PDB file of all heavy atoms in Angstrom:
ATOM      1  N   GLY A   1       0.830  -1.246  -0.014  1.00  0.00           N
ATOM      2  CA  GLY A   1      -0.029   0.026  -0.022  1.00  0.00           C
ATOM      3  C   GLY A   1       0.835   1.269  -0.021  1.00  0.00           C
ATOM      4  O   GLY A   1       1.727   1.452  -0.825  1.00  0.00           O
ATOM      5  N   SER A   2       0.567   2.158   0.942  1.00  0.00           N
ATOM      6  CA  SER A   2       1.288   3.413   1.011  1.00  0.00           C
ATOM      7  C   SER A   2       2.648   3.300   1.709  1.00  0.00           C
ATOM      8  O   SER A   2       3.391   4.273   1.846  1.00  0.00           O
ATOM      9  CB  SER A   2       0.446   4.465   1.833  1.00  0.00           C
ATOM     10  OG  SER A   2      -0.775   4.641   1.185  1.00  0.00           O
ATOM     11  N   PHE A   3       3.003   2.043   2.096  1.00  0.00           N
ATOM     12  CA  PHE A   3       4.183   1.925   2.921  1.00  0.00           C
ATOM     13  C   PHE A   3       5.393   1.373   2.057  1.00  0.00           C
ATOM     14  O   PHE A   3       6.403   2.027   2.008  1.00  0.00           O
ATOM     15  CB  PHE A   3       3.936   0.877   4.008  1.00  0.00           C
ATOM     16  CG  PHE A   3       2.982   1.380   5.064  1.00  0.00           C
ATOM     17  CD1 PHE A   3       1.645   1.234   4.880  1.00  0.00           C
ATOM     18  CD2 PHE A   3       3.462   1.984   6.228  1.00  0.00           C
ATOM     19  CE1 PHE A   3       0.759   1.643   5.837  1.00  0.00           C
ATOM     20  CE2 PHE A   3       2.617   2.391   7.241  1.00  0.00           C
ATOM     21  CZ  PHE A   3       1.209   2.331   6.996  1.00  0.00           C
ATOM     22  N   THR A   4       5.251   0.218   1.419  1.00  0.00           N
ATOM     23  CA  THR A   4       6.305  -0.321   0.656  1.00  0.00           C
ATOM     24  C   THR A   4       5.663  -1.217  -0.372  1.00  0.00           C
ATOM     25  O   THR A   4       4.458  -1.414  -0.501  1.00  0.00           O
ATOM     26  CB  THR A   4       7.326  -1.053   1.589  1.00  0.00           C
ATOM     27  OG1 THR A   4       8.389  -1.508   0.789  1.00  0.00           O
ATOM     28  CG2 THR A   4       6.616  -2.172   2.267  1.00  0.00           C
ATOM     29  N   GLN A   5       6.515  -1.952  -1.242  1.00  0.00           N
ATOM     30  CA  GLN A   5       5.919  -2.691  -2.307  1.00  0.00           C
ATOM     31  C   GLN A   5       5.144  -3.972  -1.822  1.00  0.00           C
ATOM     32  O   GLN A   5       4.059  -4.170  -2.291  1.00  0.00           O
ATOM     33  CB  GLN A   5       7.097  -3.221  -3.201  1.00  0.00           C
ATOM     34  CG  GLN A   5       6.513  -3.994  -4.430  1.00  0.00           C
ATOM     35  CD  GLN A   5       7.689  -4.416  -5.367  1.00  0.00           C
ATOM     36  OE1 GLN A   5       8.869  -4.296  -5.037  1.00  0.00           O
ATOM     37  NE2 GLN A   5       7.316  -4.901  -6.521  1.00  0.00           N
ATOM     38  N   PHE A   6       5.649  -4.645  -0.842  1.00  0.00           N
ATOM     39  CA  PHE A   6       5.034  -5.825  -0.322  1.00  0.00           C
ATOM     40  C   PHE A   6       5.010  -5.754   1.230  1.00  0.00           C
ATOM     41  O   PHE A   6       5.849  -5.073   1.862  1.00  0.00           O
ATOM     42  CB  PHE A   6       5.636  -7.138  -0.807  1.00  0.00           C
ATOM     43  CG  PHE A   6       5.577  -7.324  -2.264  1.00  0.00           C
ATOM     44  CD1 PHE A   6       6.681  -7.240  -3.068  1.00  0.00           C
ATOM     45  CD2 PHE A   6       4.290  -7.607  -2.804  1.00  0.00           C
ATOM     46  CE1 PHE A   6       6.544  -7.430  -4.440  1.00  0.00           C
ATOM     47  CE2 PHE A   6       4.243  -7.809  -4.171  1.00  0.00           C
ATOM     48  CZ  PHE A   6       5.354  -7.704  -5.012  1.00  0.00           C
ATOM     49  N   SER A   7       4.068  -6.522   1.809  1.00  0.00           N
ATOM     50  CA  SER A   7       4.045  -6.621   3.252  1.00  0.00           C
ATOM     51  C   SER A   7       3.505  -7.922   3.641  1.00  0.00           C
ATOM     52  O   SER A   7       3.020  -8.708   2.863  1.00  0.00           O
ATOM     53  CB  SER A   7       3.096  -5.493   3.749  1.00  0.00           C
ATOM     54  OG  SER A   7       1.721  -5.799   3.475  1.00  0.00           O
ATOM     55  N   HIS A   8       3.480  -8.194   4.993  1.00  0.00           N
ATOM     56  CA  HIS A   8       2.829  -9.346   5.581  1.00  0.00           C
ATOM     57  C   HIS A   8       1.678  -8.799   6.413  1.00  0.00           C
ATOM     58  O   HIS A   8       1.883  -7.899   7.228  1.00  0.00           O
ATOM     59  CB  HIS A   8       3.731 -10.172   6.396  1.00  0.00           C
ATOM     60  CG  HIS A   8       4.737 -10.962   5.613  1.00  0.00           C
ATOM     61  ND1 HIS A   8       6.066 -10.526   5.468  1.00  0.00           N
ATOM     62  CD2 HIS A   8       4.632 -12.128   4.949  1.00  0.00           C
ATOM     63  CE1 HIS A   8       6.702 -11.435   4.691  1.00  0.00           C
ATOM     64  NE2 HIS A   8       5.889 -12.334   4.410  1.00  0.00           N
ATOM     65  N   GLU A   9       0.511  -9.282   6.203  1.00  0.00           N
ATOM     66  CA  GLU A   9      -0.666  -9.014   7.017  1.00  0.00           C
ATOM     67  C   GLU A   9      -0.969 -10.228   7.938  1.00  0.00           C
ATOM     68  O   GLU A   9      -0.553 -11.387   7.663  1.00  0.00           O
ATOM     69  CB  GLU A   9      -1.921  -8.723   6.145  1.00  0.00           C
ATOM     70  CG  GLU A   9      -1.799  -7.573   5.240  1.00  0.00           C
ATOM     71  CD  GLU A   9      -2.936  -7.463   4.331  1.00  0.00           C
ATOM     72  OE1 GLU A   9      -3.690  -8.503   4.066  1.00  0.00           O
ATOM     73  OE2 GLU A   9      -3.175  -6.344   3.787  1.00  0.00           O
ATOM     74  N   PHE A  10      -1.700  -9.969   8.908  1.00  0.00           N
ATOM     75  CA  PHE A  10      -2.270 -11.035   9.841  1.00  0.00           C
ATOM     76  C   PHE A  10      -3.819 -10.867   9.619  1.00  0.00           C
ATOM     77  O   PHE A  10      -4.416  -9.867  10.107  1.00  0.00           O
ATOM     78  CB  PHE A  10      -1.786 -10.861  11.244  1.00  0.00           C
ATOM     79  CG  PHE A  10      -0.346 -11.136  11.333  1.00  0.00           C
ATOM     80  CD1 PHE A  10       0.543 -10.115  11.145  1.00  0.00           C
ATOM     81  CD2 PHE A  10       0.113 -12.351  11.714  1.00  0.00           C
ATOM     82  CE1 PHE A  10       1.953 -10.324  11.238  1.00  0.00           C
ATOM     83  CE2 PHE A  10       1.514 -12.588  11.812  1.00  0.00           C
ATOM     84  CZ  PHE A  10       2.437 -11.574  11.628  1.00  0.00           C
ATOM     85  N   GLN A  11      -4.371 -11.900   8.937  1.00  0.00           N
ATOM     86  CA  GLN A  11      -5.841 -11.804   8.661  1.00  0.00           C
ATOM     87  C   GLN A  11      -6.598 -12.801   9.516  1.00  0.00           C
ATOM     88  O   GLN A  11      -6.287 -13.953   9.552  1.00  0.00           O
ATOM     89  CB  GLN A  11      -6.034 -12.049   7.181  1.00  0.00           C
ATOM     90  CG  GLN A  11      -5.505 -11.009   6.185  1.00  0.00           C
ATOM     91  CD  GLN A  11      -6.421  -9.829   5.984  1.00  0.00           C
ATOM     92  OE1 GLN A  11      -7.564  -9.850   6.618  1.00  0.00           O
ATOM     93  NE2 GLN A  11      -6.106  -8.980   5.163  1.00  0.00           N
ATOM     94  N   THR A  12      -7.692 -12.330  10.115  1.00  0.00           N
ATOM     95  CA  THR A  12      -8.536 -13.200  10.914  1.00  0.00           C
ATOM     96  C   THR A  12      -9.809 -13.494  10.099  1.00  0.00           C
ATOM     97  O   THR A  12     -10.497 -12.568   9.630  1.00  0.00           O
ATOM     98  CB  THR A  12      -8.966 -12.498  12.204  1.00  0.00           C
ATOM     99  OG1 THR A  12      -7.800 -12.266  12.984  1.00  0.00           O
ATOM    100  CG2 THR A  12      -9.873 -13.418  13.009  1.00  0.00           C
ATOM    101  N   ILE A  13     -10.118 -14.743   9.983  1.00  0.00           N
ATOM    102  CA  ILE A  13     -11.279 -15.193   9.169  1.00  0.00           C
ATOM    103  C   ILE A  13     -12.541 -14.815   9.921  1.00  0.00           C
ATOM    104  O   ILE A  13     -12.794 -15.128  11.026  1.00  0.00           O
ATOM    105  CB  ILE A  13     -11.273 -16.731   8.989  1.00  0.00           C
ATOM    106  CG1 ILE A  13      -9.920 -17.135   8.316  1.00  0.00           C
ATOM    107  CG2 ILE A  13     -12.451 -17.144   8.165  1.00  0.00           C
ATOM    108  CD1 ILE A  13      -9.588 -16.465   7.062  1.00  0.00           C
ATOM    109  N   THR A  14     -13.374 -13.978   9.190  1.00  0.00           N
ATOM    110  CA  THR A  14     -14.691 -13.592   9.695  1.00  0.00           C
ATOM    111  C   THR A  14     -15.534 -13.131   8.530  1.00  0.00           C
ATOM    112  O   THR A  14     -15.030 -12.445   7.592  1.00  0.00           O
ATOM    113  CB  THR A  14     -14.576 -12.379  10.686  1.00  0.00           C
ATOM    114  OG1 THR A  14     -15.905 -11.884  10.968  1.00  0.00           O
ATOM    115  CG2 THR A  14     -13.685 -11.317  10.249  1.00  0.00           C
ATOM    116  N   GLY A  15     -16.777 -13.477   8.559  1.00  0.00           N
ATOM    117  CA  GLY A  15     -17.725 -13.133   7.490  1.00  0.00           C
ATOM    118  C   GLY A  15     -17.875 -11.584   7.366  1.00  0.00           C
ATOM    119  O   GLY A  15     -18.291 -11.057   6.364  1.00  0.00           O
ATOM    120  N   ALA A  16     -17.549 -10.836   8.487  1.00  0.00           N
ATOM    121  CA  ALA A  16     -17.690  -9.409   8.452  1.00  0.00           C
ATOM    122  C   ALA A  16     -16.387  -8.692   7.866  1.00  0.00           C
ATOM    123  O   ALA A  16     -16.416  -7.429   7.814  1.00  0.00           O
ATOM    124  CB  ALA A  16     -17.855  -8.949   9.880  1.00  0.00           C
ATOM    125  N   GLY A  17     -15.453  -9.473   7.530  1.00  0.00           N
ATOM    126  CA  GLY A  17     -14.202  -8.890   7.013  1.00  0.00           C
ATOM    127  C   GLY A  17     -14.354  -8.202   5.693  1.00  0.00           C
ATOM    128  O   GLY A  17     -15.218  -8.614   4.878  1.00  0.00           O
ATOM    129  N   GLU A  18     -13.532  -7.263   5.399  1.00  0.00           N
ATOM    130  CA  GLU A  18     -13.586  -6.499   4.154  1.00  0.00           C
ATOM    131  C   GLU A  18     -12.568  -7.019   3.124  1.00  0.00           C
ATOM    132  O   GLU A  18     -12.627  -6.601   1.962  1.00  0.00           O
ATOM    133  CB  GLU A  18     -13.291  -5.027   4.418  1.00  0.00           C
ATOM    134  CG  GLU A  18     -14.328  -4.339   5.285  1.00  0.00           C
ATOM    135  CD  GLU A  18     -14.001  -2.864   5.556  1.00  0.00           C
ATOM    136  OE1 GLU A  18     -12.880  -2.509   5.424  1.00  0.00           O
ATOM    137  OE2 GLU A  18     -14.948  -2.095   5.915  1.00  0.00           O
ATOM    138  N   ASP A  19     -11.717  -7.914   3.521  1.00  0.00           N
ATOM    139  CA  ASP A  19     -10.638  -8.522   2.589  1.00  0.00           C
ATOM    140  C   ASP A  19     -11.054  -9.902   2.211  1.00  0.00           C
ATOM    141  O   ASP A  19     -11.769 -10.618   2.915  1.00  0.00           O
ATOM    142  CB  ASP A  19      -9.314  -8.557   3.264  1.00  0.00           C
ATOM    143  CG  ASP A  19      -8.774  -7.124   3.523  1.00  0.00           C
ATOM    144  OD1 ASP A  19      -9.061  -6.239   2.735  1.00  0.00           O
ATOM    145  OD2 ASP A  19      -8.077  -6.968   4.560  1.00  0.00           O
ATOM    146  N   THR A  20     -10.593 -10.299   0.967  1.00  0.00           N
ATOM    147  CA  THR A  20     -10.713 -11.663   0.548  1.00  0.00           C
ATOM    148  C   THR A  20      -9.322 -12.288   0.473  1.00  0.00           C
ATOM    149  O   THR A  20      -8.436 -11.703  -0.046  1.00  0.00           O
ATOM    150  CB  THR A  20     -11.274 -11.731  -0.897  1.00  0.00           C
ATOM    151  OG1 THR A  20     -12.644 -11.106  -0.896  1.00  0.00           O
ATOM    152  CG2 THR A  20     -11.407 -13.131  -1.410  1.00  0.00           C
ATOM    153  N   VAL A  21      -9.195 -13.357   1.146  1.00  0.00           N
ATOM    154  CA  VAL A  21      -7.898 -14.095   1.242  1.00  0.00           C
ATOM    155  C   VAL A  21      -8.076 -15.480   0.787  1.00  0.00           C
ATOM    156  O   VAL A  21      -9.108 -16.082   0.840  1.00  0.00           O
ATOM    157  CB  VAL A  21      -7.284 -14.025   2.626  1.00  0.00           C
ATOM    158  CG1 VAL A  21      -7.016 -12.618   3.044  1.00  0.00           C
ATOM    159  CG2 VAL A  21      -8.199 -14.695   3.662  1.00  0.00           C
ATOM    160  N   PHE A  22      -6.926 -16.102   0.337  1.00  0.00           N
ATOM    161  CA  PHE A  22      -6.971 -17.429  -0.022  1.00  0.00           C
ATOM    162  C   PHE A  22      -5.969 -18.180   0.856  1.00  0.00           C
ATOM    163  O   PHE A  22      -4.753 -17.887   0.955  1.00  0.00           O
ATOM    164  CB  PHE A  22      -6.465 -17.580  -1.576  1.00  0.00           C
ATOM    165  CG  PHE A  22      -7.427 -17.036  -2.497  1.00  0.00           C
ATOM    166  CD1 PHE A  22      -7.512 -15.698  -2.788  1.00  0.00           C
ATOM    167  CD2 PHE A  22      -8.304 -17.853  -3.147  1.00  0.00           C
ATOM    168  CE1 PHE A  22      -8.447 -15.196  -3.673  1.00  0.00           C
ATOM    169  CE2 PHE A  22      -9.240 -17.310  -4.075  1.00  0.00           C
ATOM    170  CZ  PHE A  22      -9.307 -15.988  -4.324  1.00  0.00           C
ATOM    171  N   VAL A  23      -6.536 -19.164   1.606  1.00  0.00           N
ATOM    172  CA  VAL A  23      -5.800 -19.812   2.679  1.00  0.00           C
ATOM    173  C   VAL A  23      -5.425 -21.189   2.440  1.00  0.00           C
ATOM    174  O   VAL A  23      -6.163 -21.963   1.951  1.00  0.00           O
ATOM    175  CB  VAL A  23      -6.731 -19.734   4.002  1.00  0.00           C
ATOM    176  CG1 VAL A  23      -5.990 -20.347   5.151  1.00  0.00           C
ATOM    177  CG2 VAL A  23      -7.245 -18.291   4.279  1.00  0.00           C
ATOM    178  N   ASP A  24      -4.198 -21.534   2.788  1.00  0.00           N
ATOM    179  CA  ASP A  24      -3.674 -22.932   2.844  1.00  0.00           C
ATOM    180  C   ASP A  24      -3.731 -23.309   4.309  1.00  0.00           C
ATOM    181  O   ASP A  24      -2.870 -22.871   5.151  1.00  0.00           O
ATOM    182  CB  ASP A  24      -2.271 -23.038   2.324  1.00  0.00           C
ATOM    183  CG  ASP A  24      -1.763 -24.455   2.254  1.00  0.00           C
ATOM    184  OD1 ASP A  24      -2.047 -25.244   3.220  1.00  0.00           O
ATOM    185  OD2 ASP A  24      -1.157 -24.817   1.251  1.00  0.00           O
ATOM    186  N   MET A  25      -4.761 -24.069   4.651  1.00  0.00           N
ATOM    187  CA  MET A  25      -5.048 -24.447   6.067  1.00  0.00           C
ATOM    188  C   MET A  25      -3.818 -25.205   6.676  1.00  0.00           C
ATOM    189  O   MET A  25      -3.545 -25.027   7.837  1.00  0.00           O
ATOM    190  CB  MET A  25      -6.307 -25.263   6.187  1.00  0.00           C
ATOM    191  CG  MET A  25      -7.538 -24.512   5.806  1.00  0.00           C
ATOM    192  SD  MET A  25      -7.955 -23.273   7.000  1.00  0.00           S
ATOM    193  CE  MET A  25      -9.609 -22.772   6.442  1.00  0.00           C
ATOM    194  N   GLN A  26      -3.286 -26.049   5.873  1.00  0.00           N
ATOM    195  CA  GLN A  26      -2.139 -26.917   6.409  1.00  0.00           C
ATOM    196  C   GLN A  26      -0.932 -26.113   6.711  1.00  0.00           C
ATOM    197  O   GLN A  26      -0.324 -26.299   7.689  1.00  0.00           O
ATOM    198  CB  GLN A  26      -1.839 -28.047   5.380  1.00  0.00           C
ATOM    199  CG  GLN A  26      -2.968 -29.061   5.116  1.00  0.00           C
ATOM    200  CD  GLN A  26      -3.332 -29.786   6.376  1.00  0.00           C
ATOM    201  OE1 GLN A  26      -2.471 -30.221   7.125  1.00  0.00           O
ATOM    202  NE2 GLN A  26      -4.602 -29.939   6.585  1.00  0.00           N
ATOM    203  N   LYS A  27      -0.575 -25.187   5.879  1.00  0.00           N
ATOM    204  CA  LYS A  27       0.634 -24.394   6.055  1.00  0.00           C
ATOM    205  C   LYS A  27       0.420 -23.131   6.860  1.00  0.00           C
ATOM    206  O   LYS A  27       1.347 -22.409   7.188  1.00  0.00           O
ATOM    207  CB  LYS A  27       1.223 -24.015   4.698  1.00  0.00           C
ATOM    208  CG  LYS A  27       1.714 -25.261   3.917  1.00  0.00           C
ATOM    209  CD  LYS A  27       2.359 -24.836   2.593  1.00  0.00           C
ATOM    210  CE  LYS A  27       2.955 -26.059   1.919  1.00  0.00           C
ATOM    211  NZ  LYS A  27       3.699 -25.664   0.662  1.00  0.00           N
ATOM    212  N   LYS A  28      -0.822 -22.830   7.216  1.00  0.00           N
ATOM    213  CA  LYS A  28      -1.156 -21.635   7.993  1.00  0.00           C
ATOM    214  C   LYS A  28      -0.675 -20.399   7.309  1.00  0.00           C
ATOM    215  O   LYS A  28      -0.220 -19.422   7.970  1.00  0.00           O
ATOM    216  CB  LYS A  28      -0.592 -21.754   9.362  1.00  0.00           C
ATOM    217  CG  LYS A  28      -1.310 -22.721  10.354  1.00  0.00           C
ATOM    218  CD  LYS A  28      -2.648 -22.222  10.789  1.00  0.00           C
ATOM    219  CE  LYS A  28      -2.508 -21.065  11.756  1.00  0.00           C
ATOM    220  NZ  LYS A  28      -3.839 -20.574  12.292  1.00  0.00           N
ATOM    221  N   LEU A  29      -0.801 -20.371   6.003  1.00  0.00           N
ATOM    222  CA  LEU A  29      -0.419 -19.208   5.233  1.00  0.00           C
ATOM    223  C   LEU A  29      -1.602 -18.772   4.352  1.00  0.00           C
ATOM    224  O   LEU A  29      -2.446 -19.594   3.961  1.00  0.00           O
ATOM    225  CB  LEU A  29       0.763 -19.504   4.290  1.00  0.00           C
ATOM    226  CG  LEU A  29       2.173 -19.585   4.893  1.00  0.00           C
ATOM    227  CD1 LEU A  29       3.160 -19.926   3.802  1.00  0.00           C
ATOM    228  CD2 LEU A  29       2.535 -18.205   5.435  1.00  0.00           C
ATOM    229  N   ALA A  30      -1.645 -17.510   3.990  1.00  0.00           N
ATOM    230  CA  ALA A  30      -2.711 -16.977   3.093  1.00  0.00           C
ATOM    231  C   ALA A  30      -2.117 -15.933   2.148  1.00  0.00           C
ATOM    232  O   ALA A  30      -1.048 -15.394   2.384  1.00  0.00           O
ATOM    233  CB  ALA A  30      -3.831 -16.440   3.936  1.00  0.00           C
ATOM    234  N   VAL A  31      -2.878 -15.689   1.102  1.00  0.00           N
ATOM    235  CA  VAL A  31      -2.515 -14.624   0.097  1.00  0.00           C
ATOM    236  C   VAL A  31      -3.722 -13.757  -0.028  1.00  0.00           C
ATOM    237  O   VAL A  31      -4.810 -14.265  -0.275  1.00  0.00           O
ATOM    238  CB  VAL A  31      -2.071 -15.297  -1.223  1.00  0.00           C
ATOM    239  CG1 VAL A  31      -1.665 -14.280  -2.224  1.00  0.00           C
ATOM    240  CG2 VAL A  31      -1.001 -16.335  -1.046  1.00  0.00           C
ATOM    241  N   ASN A  32      -3.444 -12.474   0.086  1.00  0.00           N
ATOM    242  CA  ASN A  32      -4.538 -11.499  -0.178  1.00  0.00           C
ATOM    243  C   ASN A  32      -4.903 -11.528  -1.681  1.00  0.00           C
ATOM    244  O   ASN A  32      -4.012 -11.613  -2.532  1.00  0.00           O
ATOM    245  CB  ASN A  32      -4.098 -10.095   0.227  1.00  0.00           C
ATOM    246  CG  ASN A  32      -5.255  -9.109   0.365  1.00  0.00           C
ATOM    247  OD1 ASN A  32      -6.096  -8.981  -0.560  1.00  0.00           O
ATOM    248  ND2 ASN A  32      -5.400  -8.535   1.568  1.00  0.00           N
ATOM    249  N   LYS A  33      -6.170 -11.481  -1.996  1.00  0.00           N
ATOM    250  CA  LYS A  33      -6.665 -11.517  -3.367  1.00  0.00           C
ATOM    251  C   LYS A  33      -5.964 -10.425  -4.228  1.00  0.00           C
ATOM    252  O   LYS A  33      -5.698 -10.695  -5.383  1.00  0.00           O
ATOM    253  CB  LYS A  33      -8.134 -11.273  -3.378  1.00  0.00           C
ATOM    254  CG  LYS A  33      -8.821 -11.397  -4.786  1.00  0.00           C
ATOM    255  CD  LYS A  33     -10.309 -11.173  -4.698  1.00  0.00           C
ATOM    256  CE  LYS A  33     -10.948 -11.325  -6.028  1.00  0.00           C
ATOM    257  NZ  LYS A  33     -12.396 -11.166  -6.057  1.00  0.00           N
TER     258      LYS A  33
END
């Protein structure tokens, strides 16, 4: 975003969330859409 080219977020799964992420449950990793 306004900070640098890439970042790491910590995203909590909730239906009320504004982001869409793609999650690998086994590796506990996700990618923002």
